[in-house]
Protein backbone atom coordinates (compact mmCIF):
# COMPACT_ATOMS: atom_id res chain seq x y z
CA MET A 1 -57.93 -31.66 -14.32
CA PRO A 2 -55.86 -28.87 -12.70
CA SER A 3 -55.74 -25.37 -14.07
CA PRO A 4 -52.51 -24.28 -15.62
CA THR A 5 -52.96 -20.87 -14.31
CA LYS A 6 -55.02 -20.81 -11.05
CA LEU A 7 -53.52 -21.71 -7.74
CA GLN A 8 -55.41 -22.38 -4.58
CA ILE A 9 -53.85 -20.93 -1.41
CA ASP A 10 -54.85 -22.28 2.09
CA GLY A 11 -53.28 -21.47 5.49
CA LEU A 12 -53.85 -17.69 4.91
CA SER A 13 -53.82 -15.52 8.27
CA TRP A 14 -57.44 -14.18 8.91
CA GLU A 15 -55.84 -10.79 8.47
CA THR A 16 -54.72 -11.48 4.93
CA ASP A 17 -56.79 -9.66 2.30
CA GLU A 18 -56.71 -9.33 -1.50
CA VAL A 19 -54.21 -6.62 -1.59
CA ALA A 20 -51.91 -8.56 0.54
CA LEU A 21 -52.18 -11.75 -1.47
CA ARG A 22 -51.80 -9.63 -4.76
CA HIS A 23 -48.63 -8.09 -3.34
CA ALA A 24 -47.07 -11.62 -2.38
CA PHE A 25 -47.72 -13.04 -5.98
CA ALA A 26 -47.31 -10.14 -8.08
CA ALA A 27 -43.54 -10.58 -8.61
CA PHE A 28 -44.18 -13.90 -10.32
CA GLY A 29 -46.25 -12.28 -13.40
CA SER A 30 -49.47 -10.50 -14.54
CA LEU A 31 -52.36 -11.67 -12.29
CA GLU A 32 -55.79 -12.02 -13.88
CA SER A 33 -57.73 -12.44 -10.53
CA VAL A 34 -56.95 -12.63 -6.77
CA VAL A 35 -59.77 -13.89 -4.42
CA VAL A 36 -59.82 -14.22 -0.48
CA LEU A 37 -62.88 -16.16 0.26
CA LEU A 38 -65.03 -14.34 3.02
CA ASP A 39 -67.31 -15.73 5.54
CA PRO A 40 -70.93 -14.78 4.29
CA HIS A 41 -72.10 -14.04 7.89
CA SER A 42 -69.10 -12.02 9.32
CA GLY A 43 -67.61 -10.81 6.13
CA ARG A 44 -64.13 -11.70 7.49
CA PRO A 45 -61.59 -13.73 5.48
CA MET A 46 -61.75 -17.45 6.02
CA GLY A 47 -58.01 -18.23 5.58
CA CYS A 48 -58.05 -19.33 2.00
CA GLY A 49 -58.10 -17.99 -1.40
CA SER A 50 -56.86 -18.14 -5.11
CA VAL A 51 -54.74 -16.29 -7.55
CA THR A 52 -55.05 -16.75 -11.27
CA PHE A 53 -52.09 -15.77 -13.51
CA SER A 54 -52.25 -14.66 -17.16
CA HIS A 55 -49.68 -17.20 -18.19
CA PRO A 56 -49.14 -20.84 -17.17
CA PRO A 57 -45.25 -20.47 -16.53
CA HIS A 58 -45.94 -17.54 -14.07
CA ALA A 59 -48.26 -19.98 -12.00
CA THR A 60 -45.67 -22.69 -12.14
CA ALA A 61 -43.01 -20.37 -10.85
CA ALA A 62 -45.14 -19.05 -7.91
CA LEU A 63 -46.19 -22.69 -7.10
CA ALA A 64 -42.39 -23.69 -6.84
CA GLU A 65 -41.27 -20.70 -4.99
CA MET A 66 -44.04 -19.72 -2.72
CA ALA A 67 -44.67 -23.33 -1.31
CA HIS A 68 -44.66 -22.98 2.52
CA ALA A 69 -44.01 -19.21 2.21
CA VAL A 70 -45.24 -16.99 5.18
CA ILE A 71 -47.76 -14.10 4.58
CA ASP A 72 -48.85 -11.98 7.36
CA GLY A 73 -47.33 -14.58 9.99
CA SER A 74 -48.95 -17.58 8.54
CA THR A 75 -47.46 -20.46 6.50
CA ILE A 76 -49.45 -21.04 3.39
CA ARG A 77 -50.04 -24.19 1.28
CA ILE A 78 -50.46 -23.97 -2.49
CA THR A 79 -51.90 -26.25 -4.91
CA ARG A 80 -53.10 -26.14 -8.48
CA ALA A 81 -56.91 -25.27 -8.53
CA PRO A 82 -59.35 -27.44 -10.49
CA SER A 83 -59.84 -26.03 -13.94
CA ASP A 84 -63.31 -24.24 -14.31
CA SER A 85 -64.43 -26.99 -16.74
CA ALA A 86 -63.88 -29.60 -14.19
CA THR A 87 -66.12 -27.84 -11.56
CA ASN A 88 -68.86 -26.82 -14.05
CA GLY A 89 -70.58 -29.99 -14.94
């Protein structure tokens, strides 16, 4: 089951860090977490991450308005992330 507050973001530029991702999504509401996945060997961004909002309506608004947005020159793709309970068991 998808999370009502967490969005998965793919297609990020390899230059996009957590600061840039937070800046891009902060206008939609309070963010609990912002994560850009890093390659464990190089420490460089892997082009994907997630944002978790404090309230479901904020995530819904971001999902609707940021679909196919451009961040750091790359067109992103957004989906609802699986809920934590769906991935823990």
